[in-house]
Amino acid sequence: MPNFFNQYKEQYRRNLTLAVPVVLSQAGQIIVQLVDNTMVGRLGALPLAAVSFGGSVFFMLMVIGVGISLGLTPLVGISYSQKDHRRSSAYLQNAILLYGVLSLILFALSQAIIPFMYHMGQPPEVVEMAIPYFNYIAWSLIPLLLFLAFKQFLEGIGNTRVAMMIIICSNVVNIIFNYLLIYGKLGFPEMGAAGAGLSTLISRIITPIWVIVHFRRKVSFNHYFSMFRWSNFQWKRIKSLLSMGIPIAMQMFLEGSAFVLTGIMMGWIGTYQIAGHQITTVISNLAFMIVLGIGAATTIRISHEYGQKNLIALKQAATASYHIGLAWNIFTALAFVLLRNQIPLMFTSDPEVIRVASTLLLFAAMFQISDGLQMISIGILRGLQDVRITSVIAFISYIVINLPVGYLFAFTFGLGAPGLWIGLILGLSTAAFLLIRRFRRQYARLLQSASISGARK
């Protein structure tokens, strides 16, 4: 065991150095969501269900923008590892344009979706309360995507700390305005669930302002601004961003849709089930954000090693990430099981909601390891720029398997809310298996290609 640890000790250190700031920023966002739900949940099951529904519909739009923005990181990572800073700067410049246009398109789509929210099988009172909340967070897409252009660029060059600090500060702003606007404190209007949406908008407007100011003040970052040129706006770079980003967005959209549509189907069962599902989802997301941070760090490491064609270090970085992710997911699975009756008390005192949430936490514990493995595998494949296959795997795992199985167990077999989560477990497990197999095949091809190239020399 000591020899095994020493073999990967340096890889653990390097991966965690990149991952910890991402983990803290991702966890910070989920903590804000947790605080949102806790504060809104104190108003009752109906406002909590409204925030859950509105947030679920919004997520299906947001994940498209976030997914496309993630395509910037491996492109910048490879350019940075090859010390081509001019090309890195050109990618940032084109990303700002592309993501700005995309944010306007997504906002327009959000407004077009609103009439259809009444036809998604939710209780009418839930929809009525969800729409004002949804409108506010829809506006936040515009500053969010502008910020993501800088965030993903920074991650590509191996800097994960700046975005972490900005996100943490914006989260504090969000929590403060939640208190003021949800409950109407210090002379502010009492807006209830809608106040949580307005708080999110305010906090997201701040993030691109802060990151641009930071870029202008720090010489090493402002250097990239100094290389901006009109001639850098090129369709080939936009195409590269889209070629990387669209498959990532599709994979995230399909996976996210499985969770969102599961939440919508939960509404067909009842309001208590929506609220219990929301509590479980928030806690699951908190655990998942840690692995998401590890996956993001893995993408950075893999893209750098891939750019330098260092296949041994690439494999070691990937293996170290699997070790870290598994350790975390085993811990969270045990925590969900042991604390399943205590966790729901953080959100509500309603005994029926607590009963539903405590049951669903057992199912959430079951997919922790699969969820971690699939996320880290995705991070590896993104670093290798092998992203098209991930959307195919997501379609098979979540649309072909997850949703039909969940519906079958929940409604045909009559298991209700737990049946929907059985579908999630099977979907995530399928994704984990297929993604790991893909990485192994790709690595074998890289080794074969390297051996052929070496023989020719």
Protein backbone atom coordinates (compact mmCIF):
# COMPACT_ATOMS: atom_id res chain seq x y z
CA MET A 1 0.00 0.00 0.00
CA PRO A 2 2.77 2.59 0.77
CA ASN A 3 4.38 1.88 -2.63
CA PHE A 4 0.99 2.21 -4.31
CA PHE A 5 0.40 5.57 -2.61
CA ASN A 6 3.88 6.84 -3.45
CA GLN A 7 3.32 5.92 -7.09
CA TYR A 8 0.34 8.30 -7.32
CA LYS A 9 1.16 10.81 -4.58
CA GLU A 10 2.38 13.49 -6.99
CA GLN A 11 -0.62 12.92 -9.25
CA TYR A 12 -3.01 13.30 -6.30
CA ARG A 13 -1.31 16.55 -5.35
CA ARG A 14 -1.43 18.03 -8.84
CA ASN A 15 -5.04 16.97 -9.44
CA LEU A 16 -6.23 18.27 -6.09
CA THR A 17 -4.36 21.57 -6.52
CA LEU A 18 -6.51 22.20 -9.58
CA ALA A 19 -9.63 20.52 -8.25
CA VAL A 20 -10.00 22.11 -4.81
CA PRO A 21 -10.76 25.65 -6.07
CA VAL A 22 -13.22 24.23 -8.62
CA VAL A 23 -14.77 22.05 -5.92
CA LEU A 24 -15.13 25.02 -3.58
CA SER A 25 -16.73 27.17 -6.27
CA GLN A 26 -19.05 24.38 -7.40
CA ALA A 27 -19.92 23.43 -3.84
CA GLY A 28 -20.49 27.11 -3.10
CA GLN A 29 -23.08 27.30 -5.84
CA ILE A 30 -24.88 24.25 -4.50
CA ILE A 31 -24.70 25.63 -0.98
CA VAL A 32 -26.49 28.72 -2.29
CA GLN A 33 -29.09 26.45 -3.88
CA LEU A 34 -29.33 24.62 -0.56
CA VAL A 35 -29.79 27.95 1.25
CA ASP A 36 -32.37 29.01 -1.37
CA ASN A 37 -34.36 25.86 -0.77
CA THR A 38 -33.98 26.07 2.99
CA MET A 39 -35.15 29.69 3.12
CA VAL A 40 -37.98 29.17 0.63
CA GLY A 41 -38.89 25.85 2.28
CA ARG A 42 -39.65 27.72 5.50
CA LEU A 43 -42.57 29.30 3.65
CA GLY A 44 -44.13 25.89 3.02
CA ALA A 45 -44.23 22.94 0.60
CA LEU A 46 -45.87 24.97 -2.19
CA PRO A 47 -43.09 27.61 -2.58
CA LEU A 48 -40.46 24.87 -2.36
CA ALA A 49 -42.23 22.91 -5.11
CA ALA A 50 -42.48 26.09 -7.22
CA VAL A 51 -38.73 26.77 -6.95
CA SER A 52 -38.07 23.12 -7.74
CA PHE A 53 -40.23 23.18 -10.88
CA GLY A 54 -39.03 26.58 -12.11
CA GLY A 55 -35.43 25.62 -11.48
CA SER A 56 -35.85 22.32 -13.32
CA VAL A 57 -37.20 23.99 -16.46
CA PHE A 58 -34.47 26.65 -16.31
CA PHE A 59 -31.80 23.98 -15.90
CA MET A 60 -32.67 22.48 -19.29
CA LEU A 61 -31.75 25.84 -20.90
CA MET A 62 -28.79 26.67 -18.69
CA VAL A 63 -27.13 23.32 -19.29
CA ILE A 64 -26.95 24.07 -23.02
CA GLY A 65 -25.00 27.27 -22.37
CA VAL A 66 -22.80 25.77 -19.68
CA GLY A 67 -22.10 22.70 -21.81
CA ILE A 68 -21.06 24.71 -24.87
CA SER A 69 -18.82 26.90 -22.71
CA LEU A 70 -16.97 23.81 -21.41
CA GLY A 71 -15.66 23.20 -24.92
CA LEU A 72 -13.33 26.18 -24.45
CA THR A 73 -11.27 24.57 -21.66
CA PRO A 74 -9.60 21.67 -23.56
CA LEU A 75 -8.96 23.87 -26.61
CA VAL A 76 -7.21 26.49 -24.49
CA GLY A 77 -5.53 23.75 -22.42
CA ILE A 78 -3.80 22.21 -25.42
CA SER A 79 -2.78 25.64 -26.81
CA TYR A 80 -1.44 26.68 -23.41
CA SER A 81 0.55 23.45 -22.96
CA GLN A 82 2.15 24.15 -26.35
CA LYS A 83 2.88 27.77 -25.25
CA ASP A 84 0.74 29.19 -28.07
CA HIS A 85 -0.66 32.14 -26.09
CA ARG A 86 -1.86 34.00 -29.19
CA ARG A 87 -4.11 31.10 -30.14
CA SER A 88 -5.38 30.89 -26.54
CA SER A 89 -6.24 34.60 -26.66
CA ALA A 90 -8.04 34.17 -29.98
CA TYR A 91 -10.17 31.39 -28.49
CA LEU A 92 -11.14 33.65 -25.57
CA GLN A 93 -12.07 36.50 -27.93
CA ASN A 94 -14.26 34.26 -30.08
CA ALA A 95 -15.81 32.63 -27.01
CA ILE A 96 -16.95 36.01 -25.64
CA LEU A 97 -18.74 36.72 -28.92
CA LEU A 98 -20.22 33.23 -29.29
CA TYR A 99 -21.44 32.89 -25.71
CA GLY A 100 -22.91 36.41 -25.74
CA VAL A 101 -25.02 35.60 -28.80
CA LEU A 102 -25.93 32.23 -27.33
CA SER A 103 -27.15 33.82 -24.09
CA LEU A 104 -29.60 36.02 -26.01
CA ILE A 105 -30.91 33.01 -27.94
CA LEU A 106 -31.40 31.01 -24.75
CA PHE A 107 -33.18 33.91 -23.06
CA ALA A 108 -35.57 34.18 -26.00
CA LEU A 109 -36.23 30.44 -25.72
CA SER A 110 -36.96 30.82 -22.01
CA GLN A 111 -39.72 33.30 -22.74
CA ALA A 112 -41.18 31.03 -25.41
CA ILE A 113 -41.29 28.13 -22.94
CA ILE A 114 -43.39 29.89 -20.30
CA PRO A 115 -46.83 29.14 -21.85
CA PHE A 116 -45.91 25.45 -22.05
CA MET A 117 -45.18 25.27 -18.33
CA TYR A 118 -48.93 25.01 -17.74
CA HIS A 119 -48.99 21.79 -19.77
CA MET A 120 -46.26 19.83 -17.96
CA GLY A 121 -48.60 18.05 -15.56
CA GLN A 122 -47.82 20.23 -12.53
CA PRO A 123 -50.41 21.55 -10.05
CA PRO A 124 -51.65 24.98 -11.34
CA GLU A 125 -50.73 26.73 -8.09
CA VAL A 126 -47.13 25.45 -8.41
CA VAL A 127 -46.84 26.81 -11.97
CA GLU A 128 -48.27 30.21 -11.02
CA MET A 129 -45.70 30.64 -8.27
CA ALA A 130 -42.86 29.21 -10.37
CA ILE A 131 -43.15 31.64 -13.32
CA PRO A 132 -41.97 34.85 -11.54
CA TYR A 133 -39.00 32.94 -10.11
CA PHE A 134 -38.26 31.46 -13.55
CA ASN A 135 -38.35 34.88 -15.24
CA TYR A 136 -35.70 36.32 -12.95
CA ILE A 137 -33.27 33.43 -13.32
CA ALA A 138 -33.84 33.41 -17.10
CA TRP A 139 -32.40 36.96 -17.27
CA SER A 140 -29.34 35.71 -15.39
CA LEU A 141 -28.33 33.59 -18.41
CA ILE A 142 -26.80 36.66 -20.07
CA PRO A 143 -24.23 37.58 -17.36
CA LEU A 144 -23.70 33.90 -16.55
CA LEU A 145 -22.48 32.96 -20.02
CA LEU A 146 -20.25 36.02 -20.26
CA PHE A 147 -18.62 35.01 -16.98
CA LEU A 148 -18.25 31.41 -18.16
CA ALA A 149 -16.18 32.52 -21.15
CA PHE A 150 -13.55 33.84 -18.73
CA LYS A 151 -13.95 31.02 -16.22
CA GLN A 152 -13.39 28.25 -18.75
CA PHE A 153 -10.47 30.13 -20.28
CA LEU A 154 -8.84 30.44 -16.87
CA GLU A 155 -9.31 26.74 -16.24
CA GLY A 156 -7.73 25.99 -19.61
CA ILE A 157 -4.54 27.81 -18.58
CA GLY A 158 -4.57 25.97 -15.27
CA ASN A 159 -5.88 28.79 -13.05
CA THR A 160 -8.89 27.69 -11.03
CA ARG A 161 -8.52 30.09 -8.09
CA VAL A 162 -9.75 33.36 -9.61
CA ALA A 163 -13.15 31.97 -10.60
CA MET A 164 -13.44 30.33 -7.18
CA MET A 165 -13.01 33.64 -5.35
CA ILE A 166 -15.48 35.45 -7.61
CA ILE A 167 -18.10 32.70 -7.30
CA ILE A 168 -17.76 32.55 -3.51
CA CYS A 169 -18.19 36.33 -3.24
CA SER A 170 -21.22 36.26 -5.55
CA ASN A 171 -22.70 33.45 -3.46
CA VAL A 172 -22.44 35.63 -0.35
CA VAL A 173 -24.27 38.40 -2.24
CA ASN A 174 -26.94 35.88 -3.24
CA ILE A 175 -27.52 34.74 0.32
CA ILE A 176 -27.76 38.31 1.63
CA PHE A 177 -30.32 39.30 -0.99
CA ASN A 178 -32.23 36.05 -0.39
CA TYR A 179 -32.75 37.13 3.21
CA LEU A 180 -33.79 40.64 2.18
CA LEU A 181 -36.08 39.74 -0.72
CA ILE A 182 -37.66 36.42 0.27
CA TYR A 183 -38.79 37.67 3.68
CA GLY A 184 -38.94 41.42 3.01
CA LYS A 185 -36.32 42.60 5.53
CA LEU A 186 -34.85 46.11 6.02
CA GLY A 187 -37.51 47.76 3.91
CA PHE A 188 -37.18 45.44 0.91
CA PRO A 189 -40.39 43.97 -0.58
CA GLU A 190 -41.46 40.51 0.61
CA MET A 191 -41.29 38.54 -2.65
CA GLY A 192 -41.28 34.93 -1.44
CA ALA A 193 -40.05 32.44 -4.05
CA ALA A 194 -39.62 35.20 -6.66
CA GLY A 195 -37.16 36.92 -4.29
CA ALA A 196 -34.83 33.93 -4.55
CA GLY A 197 -34.85 34.33 -8.34
CA LEU A 198 -34.08 38.07 -8.18
CA SER A 199 -31.24 37.40 -5.74
CA THR A 200 -29.72 34.94 -8.20
CA LEU A 201 -29.94 37.52 -10.99
CA ILE A 202 -28.22 40.20 -8.90
CA SER A 203 -25.39 37.89 -7.87
CA ARG A 204 -24.78 36.74 -11.46
CA ILE A 205 -24.65 40.28 -12.83
CA ILE A 206 -21.72 40.93 -10.52
CA THR A 207 -19.56 37.99 -11.70
CA PRO A 208 -18.57 39.14 -15.23
CA ILE A 209 -17.84 42.65 -13.91
CA TRP A 210 -15.48 41.27 -11.28
CA VAL A 211 -13.67 38.92 -13.64
CA ILE A 212 -13.12 41.61 -16.30
CA VAL A 213 -11.77 44.02 -13.68
CA HIS A 214 -9.42 41.27 -12.46
CA PHE A 215 -8.19 40.61 -16.00
CA ARG A 216 -7.50 44.29 -16.58
CA ARG A 217 -5.59 44.71 -13.33
CA LYS A 218 -3.36 41.60 -13.50
CA VAL A 219 -0.59 41.94 -16.07
CA SER A 220 -0.36 38.23 -16.92
CA PHE A 221 -4.10 38.11 -17.73
CA ASN A 222 -4.30 41.52 -19.40
CA HIS A 223 -1.61 40.23 -21.75
CA TYR A 224 -4.30 38.08 -23.38
CA PHE A 225 -6.51 41.16 -23.85
CA SER A 226 -3.58 42.95 -25.54
CA MET A 227 -3.56 40.25 -28.22
CA PHE A 228 -7.23 40.84 -29.15
CA ARG A 229 -7.59 41.76 -32.84
CA TRP A 230 -10.54 42.12 -35.21
CA SER A 231 -8.77 39.59 -37.42
CA ASN A 232 -9.04 37.01 -34.60
CA PHE A 233 -12.78 36.71 -35.21
CA GLN A 234 -12.73 33.69 -37.48
CA TRP A 235 -15.37 31.14 -38.36
CA LYS A 236 -12.84 28.29 -37.94
CA ARG A 237 -12.39 29.18 -34.27
CA ILE A 238 -16.13 29.54 -33.71
CA LYS A 239 -16.54 26.19 -35.43
CA SER A 240 -13.91 24.62 -33.15
CA LEU A 241 -15.71 25.97 -30.07
CA LEU A 242 -19.02 24.61 -31.34
CA SER A 243 -17.52 21.27 -32.42
CA MET A 244 -16.26 20.78 -28.87
CA GLY A 245 -19.08 22.50 -27.04
CA ILE A 246 -22.19 21.13 -28.73
CA PRO A 247 -21.48 17.43 -27.97
CA ILE A 248 -20.63 18.38 -24.37
CA ALA A 249 -23.86 20.39 -24.14
CA MET A 250 -25.82 17.51 -25.66
CA GLN A 251 -24.37 15.04 -23.17
CA MET A 252 -25.14 17.38 -20.28
CA PHE A 253 -28.59 18.16 -21.66
CA LEU A 254 -29.51 14.48 -21.98
CA GLU A 255 -28.22 13.67 -18.50
CA GLY A 256 -29.82 16.78 -17.05
CA SER A 257 -33.08 16.02 -18.87
CA ALA A 258 -33.23 12.66 -17.13
CA PHE A 259 -33.15 14.41 -13.76
CA VAL A 260 -35.45 17.23 -14.87
CA LEU A 261 -38.03 14.91 -16.44
CA THR A 262 -37.82 12.71 -13.36
CA GLY A 263 -38.68 15.80 -11.31
CA ILE A 264 -41.58 16.62 -13.64
CA MET A 265 -42.89 13.04 -13.41
CA MET A 266 -42.57 13.39 -9.65
CA GLY A 267 -45.16 16.17 -9.96
CA TRP A 268 -47.58 13.65 -11.43
CA ILE A 269 -47.45 11.84 -8.10
CA GLY A 270 -47.95 14.82 -5.77
CA THR A 271 -46.65 18.02 -4.17
CA TYR A 272 -45.03 16.20 -1.25
CA GLN A 273 -43.11 14.01 -3.68
CA ILE A 274 -41.87 17.09 -5.58
CA ALA A 275 -40.66 18.68 -2.35
CA GLY A 276 -39.01 15.45 -1.10
CA HIS A 277 -37.39 14.91 -4.47
CA GLN A 278 -36.08 18.48 -4.46
CA ILE A 279 -34.44 18.03 -1.06
CA THR A 280 -32.79 14.80 -2.18
CA THR A 281 -31.67 16.34 -5.46
CA VAL A 282 -30.07 19.34 -3.72
CA ILE A 283 -28.11 17.07 -1.37
CA SER A 284 -27.12 14.76 -4.24
CA ASN A 285 -25.97 17.76 -6.26
CA LEU A 286 -23.84 18.94 -3.36
CA ALA A 287 -22.04 15.58 -3.37
CA PHE A 288 -21.88 15.57 -7.18
CA MET A 289 -20.30 19.03 -7.35
CA ILE A 290 -17.21 17.67 -5.62
CA VAL A 291 -16.82 15.04 -8.32
CA LEU A 292 -17.65 17.65 -10.97
CA GLY A 293 -14.72 19.70 -9.68
CA ILE A 294 -12.45 16.66 -9.83
CA GLY A 295 -13.69 16.00 -13.37
CA ALA A 296 -12.93 19.60 -14.39
CA ALA A 297 -9.42 19.32 -12.95
CA THR A 298 -9.00 16.03 -14.80
CA THR A 299 -9.91 17.73 -18.10
CA ILE A 300 -7.21 20.34 -17.47
CA ARG A 301 -4.56 17.75 -16.57
CA ILE A 302 -5.44 15.46 -19.47
CA SER A 303 -5.51 18.31 -22.02
CA HIS A 304 -2.07 19.50 -20.88
CA GLU A 305 -0.53 16.01 -20.97
CA TYR A 306 -2.27 15.26 -24.27
CA GLY A 307 -0.92 18.48 -25.78
CA GLN A 308 2.60 17.46 -24.75
CA LYS A 309 1.97 13.83 -25.87
CA ASN A 310 2.96 12.50 -22.44
CA LEU A 311 0.86 9.32 -22.37
CA ILE A 312 2.31 7.87 -19.16
CA ALA A 313 1.51 11.00 -17.15
CA LEU A 314 -1.90 11.14 -18.86
CA LYS A 315 -2.80 7.64 -17.65
CA GLN A 316 -1.50 8.34 -14.15
CA ALA A 317 -3.50 11.59 -13.91
CA ALA A 318 -6.66 9.78 -15.01
CA THR A 319 -6.13 6.92 -12.54
CA ALA A 320 -5.46 9.33 -9.67
CA SER A 321 -8.74 11.10 -10.40
CA TYR A 322 -10.62 7.80 -10.29
CA HIS A 323 -9.06 7.07 -6.87
CA ILE A 324 -10.01 10.49 -5.46
CA GLY A 325 -13.54 10.29 -6.86
CA LEU A 326 -14.18 6.80 -5.52
CA ALA A 327 -13.00 7.75 -2.04
CA TRP A 328 -15.39 10.70 -1.99
CA ASN A 329 -18.38 8.77 -3.34
CA ILE A 330 -18.00 5.95 -0.83
CA PHE A 331 -18.03 8.57 1.93
CA THR A 332 -21.15 10.32 0.57
CA ALA A 333 -23.01 7.04 0.09
CA LEU A 334 -22.45 6.15 3.74
CA ALA A 335 -23.44 9.66 4.86
CA PHE A 336 -26.73 9.51 2.91
CA VAL A 337 -27.64 6.19 4.49
CA LEU A 338 -26.67 7.08 8.07
CA LEU A 339 -28.13 10.62 8.04
CA ARG A 340 -31.20 10.04 5.88
CA ASN A 341 -33.60 10.96 8.68
CA GLN A 342 -31.69 14.05 9.79
CA ILE A 343 -30.86 15.70 6.44
CA PRO A 344 -34.47 16.58 5.48
CA LEU A 345 -34.88 18.48 8.77
CA MET A 346 -32.53 21.13 7.35
CA PHE A 347 -35.24 22.07 4.84
CA THR A 348 -38.65 21.42 6.33
CA SER A 349 -40.61 20.26 9.35
CA ASP A 350 -43.40 18.72 7.27
CA PRO A 351 -43.47 15.01 8.31
CA GLU A 352 -44.67 13.77 4.90
CA VAL A 353 -41.94 15.61 3.00
CA ILE A 354 -39.38 14.28 5.48
CA ARG A 355 -40.64 10.72 4.95
CA VAL A 356 -40.35 10.97 1.16
CA ALA A 357 -36.90 12.58 1.27
CA SER A 358 -35.45 10.08 3.76
CA THR A 359 -36.55 7.19 1.52
CA LEU A 360 -35.13 8.77 -1.64
CA LEU A 361 -31.79 9.43 0.07
CA LEU A 362 -31.29 5.65 0.24
CA PHE A 363 -31.63 5.48 -3.53
CA ALA A 364 -29.33 8.47 -3.96
CA ALA A 365 -26.70 6.55 -1.96
CA MET A 366 -26.93 3.67 -4.43
CA PHE A 367 -25.79 5.66 -7.45
CA GLN A 368 -22.95 7.63 -5.84
CA ILE A 369 -20.14 5.45 -7.17
CA SER A 370 -21.60 5.21 -10.69
CA ASP A 371 -22.19 8.96 -10.75
CA GLY A 372 -18.60 9.65 -9.77
CA LEU A 373 -17.09 7.21 -12.26
CA GLN A 374 -19.10 8.55 -15.19
CA MET A 375 -18.25 12.18 -14.37
CA ILE A 376 -14.51 11.58 -14.12
CA SER A 377 -14.57 9.51 -17.32
CA ILE A 378 -16.29 12.40 -19.09
CA GLY A 379 -13.58 14.76 -17.81
CA ILE A 380 -10.90 12.47 -19.25
CA LEU A 381 -12.58 12.22 -22.66
CA ARG A 382 -13.05 16.00 -22.81
CA GLY A 383 -9.34 16.45 -22.20
CA LEU A 384 -8.71 14.10 -25.14
CA GLN A 385 -11.21 16.10 -27.23
CA ASP A 386 -13.20 12.87 -27.67
CA VAL A 387 -16.61 14.38 -26.92
CA ARG A 388 -18.94 13.21 -29.67
CA ILE A 389 -19.25 9.69 -28.30
CA THR A 390 -20.30 11.02 -24.87
CA SER A 391 -23.57 12.37 -26.27
CA VAL A 392 -24.32 8.96 -27.85
CA ILE A 393 -23.62 7.21 -24.56
CA ALA A 394 -25.81 9.75 -22.74
CA PHE A 395 -28.68 9.09 -25.14
CA ILE A 396 -28.46 5.33 -24.57
CA SER A 397 -28.06 5.63 -20.81
CA TYR A 398 -30.63 8.30 -19.99
CA ILE A 399 -33.20 8.35 -22.78
CA VAL A 400 -33.26 4.67 -23.80
CA ILE A 401 -32.74 3.19 -20.31
CA ASN A 402 -33.20 5.70 -17.50
CA LEU A 403 -36.51 7.39 -18.29
CA PRO A 404 -38.45 4.33 -19.57
CA VAL A 405 -37.29 2.19 -16.65
CA GLY A 406 -38.15 4.94 -14.17
CA TYR A 407 -41.64 5.34 -15.63
CA LEU A 408 -42.15 1.56 -15.65
CA PHE A 409 -41.21 1.12 -12.00
CA ALA A 410 -42.98 4.28 -10.77
CA PHE A 411 -46.31 4.02 -12.57
CA THR A 412 -46.70 0.55 -14.14
CA PHE A 413 -45.31 -1.32 -11.13
CA GLY A 414 -46.72 1.25 -8.72
CA LEU A 415 -43.55 2.03 -6.75
CA GLY A 416 -44.09 5.79 -7.01
CA ALA A 417 -41.19 8.13 -6.24
CA PRO A 418 -38.63 5.36 -5.49
CA GLY A 419 -39.38 3.82 -8.90
CA LEU A 420 -38.27 6.99 -10.66
CA TRP A 421 -34.97 6.89 -8.77
CA ILE A 422 -34.42 3.24 -9.78
CA GLY A 423 -34.36 4.54 -13.35
CA LEU A 424 -31.68 7.08 -12.40
CA ILE A 425 -29.54 4.37 -10.81
CA LEU A 426 -29.65 2.17 -13.92
CA GLY A 427 -29.00 5.11 -16.25
CA LEU A 428 -25.94 6.34 -14.37
CA SER A 429 -24.53 2.81 -14.02
CA THR A 430 -24.85 2.24 -17.77
CA ALA A 431 -23.13 5.55 -18.50
CA ALA A 432 -20.25 4.75 -16.12
CA PHE A 433 -19.61 1.36 -17.73
CA LEU A 434 -19.69 2.65 -21.33
CA LEU A 435 -17.55 5.74 -20.64
CA ILE A 436 -14.81 3.78 -18.85
CA ARG A 437 -14.72 1.32 -21.73
CA ARG A 438 -14.40 4.21 -24.19
CA PHE A 439 -11.44 5.71 -22.33
CA ARG A 440 -9.64 2.35 -22.24
CA ARG A 441 -10.08 1.93 -25.99
CA GLN A 442 -8.93 5.48 -26.73
CA TYR A 443 -5.86 5.09 -24.55
CA ALA A 444 -4.97 1.82 -26.28
CA ARG A 445 -5.24 3.61 -29.63
CA LEU A 446 -2.98 6.43 -28.42
CA LEU A 447 -0.37 3.91 -27.27
CA GLN A 448 -0.56 2.10 -30.59
CA SER A 449 -0.25 5.36 -32.53
CA ALA A 450 2.72 6.42 -30.40
CA SER A 451 4.49 3.07 -30.94
CA ILE A 452 3.96 3.27 -34.71
CA SER A 453 5.25 6.85 -34.77
CA GLY A 454 8.29 5.83 -32.72
CA ALA A 455 9.03 2.90 -35.04
CA ARG A 456 8.98 5.18 -38.08
CA LYS A 457 11.51 7.46 -36.47
